[in-house]
Amino acid sequence: MKNNQNMNQQLNQIQQESKKLAQQEQQNAAQLQQQQGSQKAQNMAQMEAQAAQELENMAQGAQNLQSQNSAGQQAPFGTEFASETDVQEVKRQNQQSQRNKK
């Protein structure tokens, strides 16, 4: 549980930092686009916009991981391990199947 909390804190920091950097990249791109004369400025603006998009994707990825961690905390091992009653039911069905074969 503590590991998930630590990971969520780190993911939160990544998400916030990524969004902040993405905003800066978008501002840089907007400024470069205003310098219309230069092809180099246009290329730089395009690169800044692409970097901003990648940072936004990184922030979204961090948020998705946080969601997965939260879901894991609410229902630990819910889908990975069978409950005791499920195990007993499978054993019962196997025994019945063995009897039917005889």
PDB file of N, CA and C in Angstrom:
ATOM      1  N   MET A   1       0.838  -1.195   0.000  1.00  0.00           N
ATOM      2  CA  MET A   1       0.000   0.000   0.000  1.00  0.00           C
ATOM      3  C   MET A   1       0.878   1.252   0.000  1.00  0.00           C
ATOM      4  N   LYS A   2       1.926   1.228   0.852  1.00  0.00           N
ATOM      5  CA  LYS A   2       2.820   2.378   0.932  1.00  0.00           C
ATOM      6  C   LYS A   2       3.558   2.581  -0.386  1.00  0.00           C
ATOM      7  N   ASN A   3       3.945   1.467  -1.024  1.00  0.00           N
ATOM      8  CA  ASN A   3       4.609   1.571  -2.319  1.00  0.00           C
ATOM      9  C   ASN A   3       3.715   2.239  -3.346  1.00  0.00           C
ATOM     10  N   ASN A   4       2.427   1.886  -3.335  1.00  0.00           N
ATOM     11  CA  ASN A   4       1.483   2.507  -4.265  1.00  0.00           C
ATOM     12  C   ASN A   4       1.349   3.995  -3.988  1.00  0.00           C
ATOM     13  N   GLN A   5       1.331   4.367  -2.706  1.00  0.00           N
ATOM     14  CA  GLN A   5       1.233   5.783  -2.357  1.00  0.00           C
ATOM     15  C   GLN A   5       2.459   6.531  -2.854  1.00  0.00           C
ATOM     16  N   ASN A   6       3.640   5.942  -2.631  1.00  0.00           N
ATOM     17  CA  ASN A   6       4.866   6.580  -3.108  1.00  0.00           C
ATOM     18  C   ASN A   6       4.854   6.700  -4.620  1.00  0.00           C
ATOM     19  N   MET A   7       4.428   5.637  -5.292  1.00  0.00           N
ATOM     20  CA  MET A   7       4.397   5.671  -6.747  1.00  0.00           C
ATOM     21  C   MET A   7       3.394   6.713  -7.231  1.00  0.00           C
ATOM     22  N   ASN A   8       2.245   6.782  -6.579  1.00  0.00           N
ATOM     23  CA  ASN A   8       1.246   7.777  -6.972  1.00  0.00           C
ATOM     24  C   ASN A   8       1.766   9.192  -6.770  1.00  0.00           C
ATOM     25  N   GLN A   9       2.531   9.418  -5.704  1.00  0.00           N
ATOM     26  CA  GLN A   9       3.116  10.740  -5.488  1.00  0.00           C
ATOM     27  C   GLN A   9       4.097  11.075  -6.604  1.00  0.00           C
ATOM     28  N   GLN A  10       4.930  10.104  -6.965  1.00  0.00           N
ATOM     29  CA  GLN A  10       5.886  10.333  -8.044  1.00  0.00           C
ATOM     30  C   GLN A  10       5.169  10.556  -9.370  1.00  0.00           C
ATOM     31  N   LEU A  11       4.139   9.773  -9.623  1.00  0.00           N
ATOM     32  CA  LEU A  11       3.374   9.944 -10.861  1.00  0.00           C
ATOM     33  C   LEU A  11       2.692  11.307 -10.889  1.00  0.00           C
ATOM     34  N   ASN A  12       2.231  11.743  -9.733  1.00  0.00           N
ATOM     35  CA  ASN A  12       1.613  13.062  -9.630  1.00  0.00           C
ATOM     36  C   ASN A  12       2.623  14.150  -9.979  1.00  0.00           C
ATOM     37  N   GLN A  13       3.848  14.013  -9.457  1.00  0.00           N
ATOM     38  CA  GLN A  13       4.896  14.984  -9.763  1.00  0.00           C
ATOM     39  C   GLN A  13       5.224  14.974 -11.250  1.00  0.00           C
ATOM     40  N   ILE A  14       5.328  13.784 -11.828  1.00  0.00           N
ATOM     41  CA  ILE A  14       5.605  13.669 -13.265  1.00  0.00           C
ATOM     42  C   ILE A  14       4.496  14.343 -14.060  1.00  0.00           C
ATOM     43  N   GLN A  15       3.270  14.078 -13.652  1.00  0.00           N
ATOM     44  CA  GLN A  15       2.120  14.646 -14.356  1.00  0.00           C
ATOM     45  C   GLN A  15       2.146  16.173 -14.297  1.00  0.00           C
ATOM     46  N   GLN A  16       2.371  16.727 -13.098  1.00  0.00           N
ATOM     47  CA  GLN A  16       2.391  18.180 -12.937  1.00  0.00           C
ATOM     48  C   GLN A  16       3.544  18.806 -13.711  1.00  0.00           C
ATOM     49  N   GLU A  17       4.728  18.206 -13.601  1.00  0.00           N
ATOM     50  CA  GLU A  17       5.906  18.736 -14.287  1.00  0.00           C
ATOM     51  C   GLU A  17       5.725  18.654 -15.802  1.00  0.00           C
ATOM     52  N   SER A  18       5.175  17.552 -16.270  1.00  0.00           N
ATOM     53  CA  SER A  18       4.953  17.379 -17.710  1.00  0.00           C
ATOM     54  C   SER A  18       3.983  18.422 -18.245  1.00  0.00           C
ATOM     55  N   LYS A  19       2.910  18.664 -17.491  1.00  0.00           N
ATOM     56  CA  LYS A  19       1.931  19.667 -17.928  1.00  0.00           C
ATOM     57  C   LYS A  19       2.549  21.062 -17.945  1.00  0.00           C
ATOM     58  N   LYS A  20       3.362  21.353 -16.923  1.00  0.00           N
ATOM     59  CA  LYS A  20       4.007  22.662 -16.856  1.00  0.00           C
ATOM     60  C   LYS A  20       4.961  22.846 -18.037  1.00  0.00           C
ATOM     61  N   LEU A  21       5.771  21.826 -18.306  1.00  0.00           N
ATOM     62  CA  LEU A  21       6.702  21.891 -19.431  1.00  0.00           C
ATOM     63  C   LEU A  21       5.958  21.959 -20.762  1.00  0.00           C
ATOM     64  N   ALA A  22       4.855  21.244 -20.865  1.00  0.00           N
ATOM     65  CA  ALA A  22       4.063  21.279 -22.098  1.00  0.00           C
ATOM     66  C   ALA A  22       3.538  22.688 -22.353  1.00  0.00           C
ATOM     67  N   GLN A  23       3.094  23.368 -21.293  1.00  0.00           N
ATOM     68  CA  GLN A  23       2.617  24.746 -21.443  1.00  0.00           C
ATOM     69  C   GLN A  23       3.743  25.654 -21.925  1.00  0.00           C
ATOM     70  N   GLN A  24       4.942  25.468 -21.356  1.00  0.00           N
ATOM     71  CA  GLN A  24       6.084  26.274 -21.780  1.00  0.00           C
ATOM     72  C   GLN A  24       6.410  26.017 -23.247  1.00  0.00           C
ATOM     73  N   GLU A  25       6.370  24.748 -23.637  1.00  0.00           N
ATOM     74  CA  GLU A  25       6.651  24.398 -25.032  1.00  0.00           C
ATOM     75  C   GLU A  25       5.615  25.031 -25.961  1.00  0.00           C
ATOM     76  N   GLN A  26       4.357  25.010 -25.541  1.00  0.00           N
ATOM     77  CA  GLN A  26       3.299  25.609 -26.361  1.00  0.00           C
ATOM     78  C   GLN A  26       3.492  27.117 -26.485  1.00  0.00           C
ATOM     79  N   GLN A  27       3.913  27.760 -25.390  1.00  0.00           N
ATOM     80  CA  GLN A  27       4.181  29.197 -25.442  1.00  0.00           C
ATOM     81  C   GLN A  27       5.352  29.491 -26.374  1.00  0.00           C
ATOM     82  N   ASN A  28       6.399  28.671 -26.269  1.00  0.00           N
ATOM     83  CA  ASN A  28       7.550  28.843 -27.157  1.00  0.00           C
ATOM     84  C   ASN A  28       7.132  28.676 -28.612  1.00  0.00           C
ATOM     85  N   ALA A  29       6.306  27.682 -28.869  1.00  0.00           N
ATOM     86  CA  ALA A  29       5.837  27.435 -30.236  1.00  0.00           C
ATOM     87  C   ALA A  29       5.050  28.632 -30.754  1.00  0.00           C
ATOM     88  N   ALA A  30       4.184  29.188 -29.903  1.00  0.00           N
ATOM     89  CA  ALA A  30       3.374  30.340 -30.309  1.00  0.00           C
ATOM     90  C   ALA A  30       4.263  31.542 -30.622  1.00  0.00           C
ATOM     91  N   GLN A  31       5.275  31.764 -29.785  1.00  0.00           N
ATOM     92  CA  GLN A  31       6.195  32.883 -30.022  1.00  0.00           C
ATOM     93  C   GLN A  31       6.973  32.692 -31.319  1.00  0.00           C
ATOM     94  N   LEU A  32       7.426  31.476 -31.552  1.00  0.00           N
ATOM     95  CA  LEU A  32       8.185  31.199 -32.769  1.00  0.00           C
ATOM     96  C   LEU A  32       7.312  31.341 -34.015  1.00  0.00           C
ATOM     97  N   GLN A  33       6.053  30.973 -33.908  1.00  0.00           N
ATOM     98  CA  GLN A  33       5.158  31.092 -35.058  1.00  0.00           C
ATOM     99  C   GLN A  33       4.909  32.551 -35.419  1.00  0.00           C
ATOM    100  N   GLN A  34       5.026  33.437 -34.441  1.00  0.00           N
ATOM    101  CA  GLN A  34       4.830  34.859 -34.715  1.00  0.00           C
ATOM    102  C   GLN A  34       6.001  35.443 -35.503  1.00  0.00           C
ATOM    103  N   GLN A  35       7.141  34.784 -35.442  1.00  0.00           N
ATOM    104  CA  GLN A  35       8.302  35.218 -36.229  1.00  0.00           C
ATOM    105  C   GLN A  35       8.179  34.601 -37.622  1.00  0.00           C
ATOM    106  N   GLN A  36       7.236  35.096 -38.388  1.00  0.00           N
ATOM    107  CA  GLN A  36       6.824  34.414 -39.605  1.00  0.00           C
ATOM    108  C   GLN A  36       7.897  34.357 -40.686  1.00  0.00           C
ATOM    109  N   GLY A  37       8.808  35.305 -40.693  1.00  0.00           N
ATOM    110  CA  GLY A  37       9.758  35.376 -41.796  1.00  0.00           C
ATOM    111  C   GLY A  37      10.659  34.163 -41.928  1.00  0.00           C
ATOM    112  N   SER A  38      11.041  33.565 -40.848  1.00  0.00           N
ATOM    113  CA  SER A  38      12.087  32.547 -40.859  1.00  0.00           C
ATOM    114  C   SER A  38      11.523  31.135 -40.944  1.00  0.00           C
ATOM    115  N   GLN A  39      12.020  30.369 -41.912  1.00  0.00           N
ATOM    116  CA  GLN A  39      11.644  28.950 -42.015  1.00  0.00           C
ATOM    117  C   GLN A  39      12.179  28.193 -40.802  1.00  0.00           C
ATOM    118  N   LYS A  40      13.355  28.601 -40.344  1.00  0.00           N
ATOM    119  CA  LYS A  40      13.953  27.948 -39.177  1.00  0.00           C
ATOM    120  C   LYS A  40      13.048  28.132 -37.953  1.00  0.00           C
ATOM    121  N   ALA A  41      12.493  29.332 -37.812  1.00  0.00           N
ATOM    122  CA  ALA A  41      11.590  29.597 -36.689  1.00  0.00           C
ATOM    123  C   ALA A  41      10.343  28.727 -36.791  1.00  0.00           C
ATOM    124  N   GLN A  42       9.845  28.540 -38.012  1.00  0.00           N
ATOM    125  CA  GLN A  42       8.669  27.688 -38.213  1.00  0.00           C
ATOM    126  C   GLN A  42       8.982  26.239 -37.837  1.00  0.00           C
ATOM    127  N   ASN A  43      10.158  25.768 -38.253  1.00  0.00           N
ATOM    128  CA  ASN A  43      10.571  24.403 -37.915  1.00  0.00           C
ATOM    129  C   ASN A  43      10.704  24.237 -36.406  1.00  0.00           C
ATOM    130  N   MET A  44      11.281  25.236 -35.768  1.00  0.00           N
ATOM    131  CA  MET A  44      11.436  25.196 -34.311  1.00  0.00           C
ATOM    132  C   MET A  44      10.061  25.187 -33.636  1.00  0.00           C
ATOM    133  N   ALA A  45       9.153  25.986 -34.170  1.00  0.00           N
ATOM    134  CA  ALA A  45       7.801  26.039 -33.605  1.00  0.00           C
ATOM    135  C   ALA A  45       7.141  24.671 -33.694  1.00  0.00           C
ATOM    136  N   GLN A  46       7.351  24.012 -34.830  1.00  0.00           N
ATOM    137  CA  GLN A  46       6.779  22.677 -35.016  1.00  0.00           C
ATOM    138  C   GLN A  46       7.376  21.692 -34.005  1.00  0.00           C
ATOM    139  N   MET A  47       8.687  21.787 -33.795  1.00  0.00           N
ATOM    140  CA  MET A  47       9.351  20.903 -32.832  1.00  0.00           C
ATOM    141  C   MET A  47       8.871  21.180 -31.414  1.00  0.00           C
ATOM    142  N   GLU A  48       8.680  22.456 -31.097  1.00  0.00           N
ATOM    143  CA  GLU A  48       8.183  22.826 -29.764  1.00  0.00           C
ATOM    144  C   GLU A  48       6.772  22.266 -29.548  1.00  0.00           C
ATOM    145  N   ALA A  49       5.942  22.377 -30.576  1.00  0.00           N
ATOM    146  CA  ALA A  49       4.573  21.867 -30.472  1.00  0.00           C
ATOM    147  C   ALA A  49       4.583  20.347 -30.307  1.00  0.00           C
ATOM    148  N   GLN A  50       5.486  19.677 -31.022  1.00  0.00           N
ATOM    149  CA  GLN A  50       5.592  18.218 -30.911  1.00  0.00           C
ATOM    150  C   GLN A  50       6.057  17.823 -29.510  1.00  0.00           C
ATOM    151  N   ALA A  51       7.038  18.561 -28.985  1.00  0.00           N
ATOM    152  CA  ALA A  51       7.522  18.283 -27.628  1.00  0.00           C
ATOM    153  C   ALA A  51       6.399  18.488 -26.611  1.00  0.00           C
ATOM    154  N   ALA A  52       5.606  19.534 -26.830  1.00  0.00           N
ATOM    155  CA  ALA A  52       4.478  19.796 -25.930  1.00  0.00           C
ATOM    156  C   ALA A  52       3.498  18.629 -25.951  1.00  0.00           C
ATOM    157  N   GLN A  53       3.237  18.099 -27.145  1.00  0.00           N
ATOM    158  CA  GLN A  53       2.308  16.967 -27.271  1.00  0.00           C
ATOM    159  C   GLN A  53       2.856  15.734 -26.558  1.00  0.00           C
ATOM    160  N   GLU A  54       4.150  15.487 -26.713  1.00  0.00           N
ATOM    161  CA  GLU A  54       4.765  14.325 -26.058  1.00  0.00           C
ATOM    162  C   GLU A  54       4.703  14.459 -24.539  1.00  0.00           C
ATOM    163  N   LEU A  55       4.900  15.674 -24.047  1.00  0.00           N
ATOM    164  CA  LEU A  55       4.812  15.904 -22.603  1.00  0.00           C
ATOM    165  C   LEU A  55       3.380  15.713 -22.105  1.00  0.00           C
ATOM    166  N   GLU A  56       2.421  16.154 -22.903  1.00  0.00           N
ATOM    167  CA  GLU A  56       1.013  15.929 -22.542  1.00  0.00           C
ATOM    168  C   GLU A  56       0.717  14.428 -22.482  1.00  0.00           C
ATOM    169  N   ASN A  57       1.264  13.685 -23.455  1.00  0.00           N
ATOM    170  CA  ASN A  57       1.074  12.230 -23.467  1.00  0.00           C
ATOM    171  C   ASN A  57       1.694  11.597 -22.223  1.00  0.00           C
ATOM    172  N   MET A  58       2.849  12.109 -21.834  1.00  0.00           N
ATOM    173  CA  MET A  58       3.528  11.594 -20.642  1.00  0.00           C
ATOM    174  C   MET A  58       2.671  11.848 -19.400  1.00  0.00           C
ATOM    175  N   ALA A  59       2.104  13.038 -19.321  1.00  0.00           N
ATOM    176  CA  ALA A  59       1.232  13.372 -18.191  1.00  0.00           C
ATOM    177  C   ALA A  59       0.016  12.451 -18.170  1.00  0.00           C
ATOM    178  N   GLN A  60      -0.548  12.183 -19.349  1.00  0.00           N
ATOM    179  CA  GLN A  60      -1.712  11.295 -19.439  1.00  0.00           C
ATOM    180  C   GLN A  60      -1.331   9.880 -19.020  1.00  0.00           C
ATOM    181  N   GLY A  61      -0.147   9.438 -19.436  1.00  0.00           N
ATOM    182  CA  GLY A  61       0.329   8.111 -19.051  1.00  0.00           C
ATOM    183  C   GLY A  61       0.479   7.986 -17.547  1.00  0.00           C
ATOM    184  N   ALA A  62       1.003   9.040 -16.922  1.00  0.00           N
ATOM    185  CA  ALA A  62       1.149   9.038 -15.464  1.00  0.00           C
ATOM    186  C   ALA A  62      -0.216   8.959 -14.796  1.00  0.00           C
ATOM    187  N   GLN A  63      -1.176   9.698 -15.353  1.00  0.00           N
ATOM    188  CA  GLN A  63      -2.526   9.678 -14.786  1.00  0.00           C
ATOM    189  C   GLN A  63      -3.150   8.287 -14.934  1.00  0.00           C
ATOM    190  N   ASN A  64      -2.921   7.649 -16.081  1.00  0.00           N
ATOM    191  CA  ASN A  64      -3.457   6.299 -16.292  1.00  0.00           C
ATOM    192  C   ASN A  64      -2.869   5.314 -15.289  1.00  0.00           C
ATOM    193  N   LEU A  65      -1.566   5.430 -15.028  1.00  0.00           N
ATOM    194  CA  LEU A  65      -0.931   4.543 -14.053  1.00  0.00           C
ATOM    195  C   LEU A  65      -1.510   4.765 -12.661  1.00  0.00           C
ATOM    196  N   GLN A  66      -1.768   6.038 -12.337  1.00  0.00           N
ATOM    197  CA  GLN A  66      -2.373   6.329 -11.042  1.00  0.00           C
ATOM    198  C   GLN A  66      -3.741   5.666 -10.930  1.00  0.00           C
ATOM    199  N   SER A  67      -4.506   5.721 -11.998  1.00  0.00           N
ATOM    200  CA  SER A  67      -5.840   5.106 -11.995  1.00  0.00           C
ATOM    201  C   SER A  67      -5.734   3.604 -11.784  1.00  0.00           C
ATOM    202  N   GLN A  68      -4.768   2.989 -12.458  1.00  0.00           N
ATOM    203  CA  GLN A  68      -4.575   1.549 -12.298  1.00  0.00           C
ATOM    204  C   GLN A  68      -4.179   1.214 -10.869  1.00  0.00           C
ATOM    205  N   ASN A  69      -3.304   2.032 -10.286  1.00  0.00           N
ATOM    206  CA  ASN A  69      -2.888   1.798  -8.899  1.00  0.00           C
ATOM    207  C   ASN A  69      -4.071   1.929  -7.954  1.00  0.00           C
ATOM    208  N   SER A  70      -4.889   2.936  -8.178  1.00  0.00           N
ATOM    209  CA  SER A  70      -6.049   3.142  -7.311  1.00  0.00           C
ATOM    210  C   SER A  70      -6.997   1.964  -7.413  1.00  0.00           C
ATOM    211  N   ALA A  71      -7.226   1.500  -8.625  1.00  0.00           N
ATOM    212  CA  ALA A  71      -8.112   0.347  -8.810  1.00  0.00           C
ATOM    213  C   ALA A  71      -7.527  -0.874  -8.112  1.00  0.00           C
ATOM    214  N   GLY A  72      -6.213  -1.013  -8.167  1.00  0.00           N
ATOM    215  CA  GLY A  72      -5.551  -2.134  -7.510  1.00  0.00           C
ATOM    216  C   GLY A  72      -5.697  -2.080  -6.006  1.00  0.00           C
ATOM    217  N   GLN A  73      -5.700  -0.871  -5.458  1.00  0.00           N
ATOM    218  CA  GLN A  73      -5.859  -0.736  -4.008  1.00  0.00           C
ATOM    219  C   GLN A  73      -7.279  -1.083  -3.585  1.00  0.00           C
ATOM    220  N   GLN A  74      -8.250  -0.728  -4.413  1.00  0.00           N
ATOM    221  CA  GLN A  74      -9.644  -0.961  -4.038  1.00  0.00           C
ATOM    222  C   GLN A  74     -10.010  -2.438  -4.116  1.00  0.00           C
ATOM    223  N   ALA A  75      -9.441  -3.148  -5.081  1.00  0.00           N
ATOM    224  CA  ALA A  75      -9.792  -4.561  -5.251  1.00  0.00           C
ATOM    225  C   ALA A  75      -8.521  -5.384  -5.424  1.00  0.00           C
ATOM    226  N   PRO A  76      -7.768  -5.578  -4.339  1.00  0.00           N
ATOM    227  CA  PRO A  76      -6.484  -6.268  -4.488  1.00  0.00           C
ATOM    228  C   PRO A  76      -6.661  -7.696  -4.969  1.00  0.00           C
ATOM    229  N   PHE A  77      -5.918  -8.047  -5.980  1.00  0.00           N
ATOM    230  CA  PHE A  77      -5.890  -9.393  -6.538  1.00  0.00           C
ATOM    231  C   PHE A  77      -7.264  -9.869  -7.004  1.00  0.00           C
ATOM    232  N   GLY A  78      -8.176  -8.958  -7.205  1.00  0.00           N
ATOM    233  CA  GLY A  78      -9.545  -9.337  -7.536  1.00  0.00           C
ATOM    234  C   GLY A  78      -9.666 -10.224  -8.750  1.00  0.00           C
ATOM    235  N   THR A  79      -8.879  -9.958  -9.764  1.00  0.00           N
ATOM    236  CA  THR A  79      -9.017 -10.759 -10.986  1.00  0.00           C
ATOM    237  C   THR A  79      -7.886 -11.754 -11.145  1.00  0.00           C
ATOM    238  N   GLU A  80      -6.828 -11.620 -10.356  1.00  0.00           N
ATOM    239  CA  GLU A  80      -5.665 -12.480 -10.551  1.00  0.00           C
ATOM    240  C   GLU A  80      -5.785 -13.810  -9.822  1.00  0.00           C
ATOM    241  N   PHE A  81      -6.449 -13.821  -8.685  1.00  0.00           N
ATOM    242  CA  PHE A  81      -6.528 -15.032  -7.880  1.00  0.00           C
ATOM    243  C   PHE A  81      -7.977 -15.408  -7.628  1.00  0.00           C
ATOM    244  N   ALA A  82      -8.233 -16.684  -7.688  1.00  0.00           N
ATOM    245  CA  ALA A  82      -9.587 -17.164  -7.420  1.00  0.00           C
ATOM    246  C   ALA A  82      -9.859 -17.105  -5.924  1.00  0.00           C
ATOM    247  N   SER A  83     -11.105 -16.891  -5.587  1.00  0.00           N
ATOM    248  CA  SER A  83     -11.467 -16.929  -4.168  1.00  0.00           C
ATOM    249  C   SER A  83     -11.512 -18.383  -3.711  1.00  0.00           C
ATOM    250  N   GLU A  84     -11.550 -18.572  -2.414  1.00  0.00           N
ATOM    251  CA  GLU A  84     -11.581 -19.932  -1.854  1.00  0.00           C
ATOM    252  C   GLU A  84     -12.805 -20.700  -2.353  1.00  0.00           C
ATOM    253  N   THR A  85     -13.931 -20.019  -2.450  1.00  0.00           N
ATOM    254  CA  THR A  85     -15.140 -20.716  -2.914  1.00  0.00           C
ATOM    255  C   THR A  85     -14.989 -21.153  -4.364  1.00  0.00           C
ATOM    256  N   ASP A  86     -14.320 -20.340  -5.183  1.00  0.00           N
ATOM    257  CA  ASP A  86     -14.080 -20.728  -6.575  1.00  0.00           C
ATOM    258  C   ASP A  86     -13.213 -21.977  -6.638  1.00  0.00           C
ATOM    259  N   VAL A  87     -12.192 -22.023  -5.804  1.00  0.00           N
ATOM    260  CA  VAL A  87     -11.289 -23.179  -5.779  1.00  0.00           C
ATOM    261  C   VAL A  87     -12.061 -24.427  -5.376  1.00  0.00           C
ATOM    262  N   GLN A  88     -12.881 -24.305  -4.347  1.00  0.00           N
ATOM    263  CA  GLN A  88     -13.680 -25.449  -3.894  1.00  0.00           C
ATOM    264  C   GLN A  88     -14.638 -25.917  -4.986  1.00  0.00           C
ATOM    265  N   GLU A  89     -15.226 -24.975  -5.688  1.00  0.00           N
ATOM    266  CA  GLU A  89     -16.162 -25.322  -6.763  1.00  0.00           C
ATOM    267  C   GLU A  89     -15.448 -26.078  -7.883  1.00  0.00           C
ATOM    268  N   VAL A  90     -14.267 -25.633  -8.243  1.00  0.00           N
ATOM    269  CA  VAL A  90     -13.498 -26.319  -9.289  1.00  0.00           C
ATOM    270  C   VAL A  90     -13.138 -27.730  -8.838  1.00  0.00           C
ATOM    271  N   LYS A  91     -12.714 -27.874  -7.578  1.00  0.00           N
ATOM    272  CA  LYS A  91     -12.399 -29.214  -7.052  1.00  0.00           C
ATOM    273  C   LYS A  91     -13.626 -30.118  -7.110  1.00  0.00           C
ATOM    274  N   ARG A  92     -14.771 -29.576  -6.723  1.00  0.00           N
ATOM    275  CA  ARG A  92     -16.009 -30.353  -6.732  1.00  0.00           C
ATOM    276  C   ARG A  92     -16.342 -30.805  -8.154  1.00  0.00           C
ATOM    277  N   GLN A  93     -16.201 -29.890  -9.105  1.00  0.00           N
ATOM    278  CA  GLN A  93     -16.496 -30.240 -10.497  1.00  0.00           C
ATOM    279  C   GLN A  93     -15.520 -31.288 -11.024  1.00  0.00           C
ATOM    280  N   ASN A  94     -14.264 -31.173 -10.632  1.00  0.00           N
ATOM    281  CA  ASN A  94     -13.265 -32.164 -11.056  1.00  0.00           C
ATOM    282  C   ASN A  94     -13.592 -33.546 -10.499  1.00  0.00           C
ATOM    283  N   GLN A  95     -13.985 -33.583  -9.226  1.00  0.00           N
ATOM    284  CA  GLN A  95     -14.351 -34.867  -8.618  1.00  0.00           C
ATOM    285  C   GLN A  95     -15.563 -35.467  -9.322  1.00  0.00           C
ATOM    286  N   GLN A  96     -16.526 -34.630  -9.627  1.00  0.00           N
ATOM    287  CA  GLN A  96     -17.727 -35.101 -10.329  1.00  0.00           C
ATOM    288  C   GLN A  96     -17.350 -35.637 -11.706  1.00  0.00           C
ATOM    289  N   SER A  97     -16.457 -34.944 -12.360  1.00  0.00           N
ATOM    290  CA  SER A  97     -16.002 -35.366 -13.682  1.00  0.00           C
ATOM    291  C   SER A  97     -15.294 -36.718 -13.604  1.00  0.00           C
ATOM    292  N   GLN A  98     -14.472 -36.904 -12.565  1.00  0.00           N
ATOM    293  CA  GLN A  98     -13.772 -38.179 -12.379  1.00  0.00           C
ATOM    294  C   GLN A  98     -14.770 -39.312 -12.163  1.00  0.00           C
ATOM    295  N   ARG A  99     -15.806 -39.037 -11.372  1.00  0.00           N
ATOM    296  CA  ARG A  99     -16.837 -40.048 -11.114  1.00  0.00           C
ATOM    297  C   ARG A  99     -17.574 -40.412 -12.400  1.00  0.00           C
ATOM    298  N   ASN A 100     -17.833 -39.418 -13.208  1.00  0.00           N
ATOM    299  CA  ASN A 100     -18.568 -39.658 -14.457  1.00  0.00           C
ATOM    300  C   ASN A 100     -17.762 -40.501 -15.432  1.00  0.00           C
ATOM    301  N   LYS A 101     -16.453 -40.414 -15.362  1.00  0.00           N
ATOM    302  CA  LYS A 101     -15.594 -41.184 -16.266  1.00  0.00           C
ATOM    303  C   LYS A 101     -15.601 -42.669 -15.916  1.00  0.00           C
ATOM    304  N   LYS A 102     -15.827 -43.000 -14.648  1.00  0.00           N
ATOM    305  CA  LYS A 102     -15.754 -44.405 -14.187  1.00  0.00           C
ATOM    306  C   LYS A 102     -16.906 -45.235 -14.621  1.00  0.00           C
TER     307      LYS A 102
END
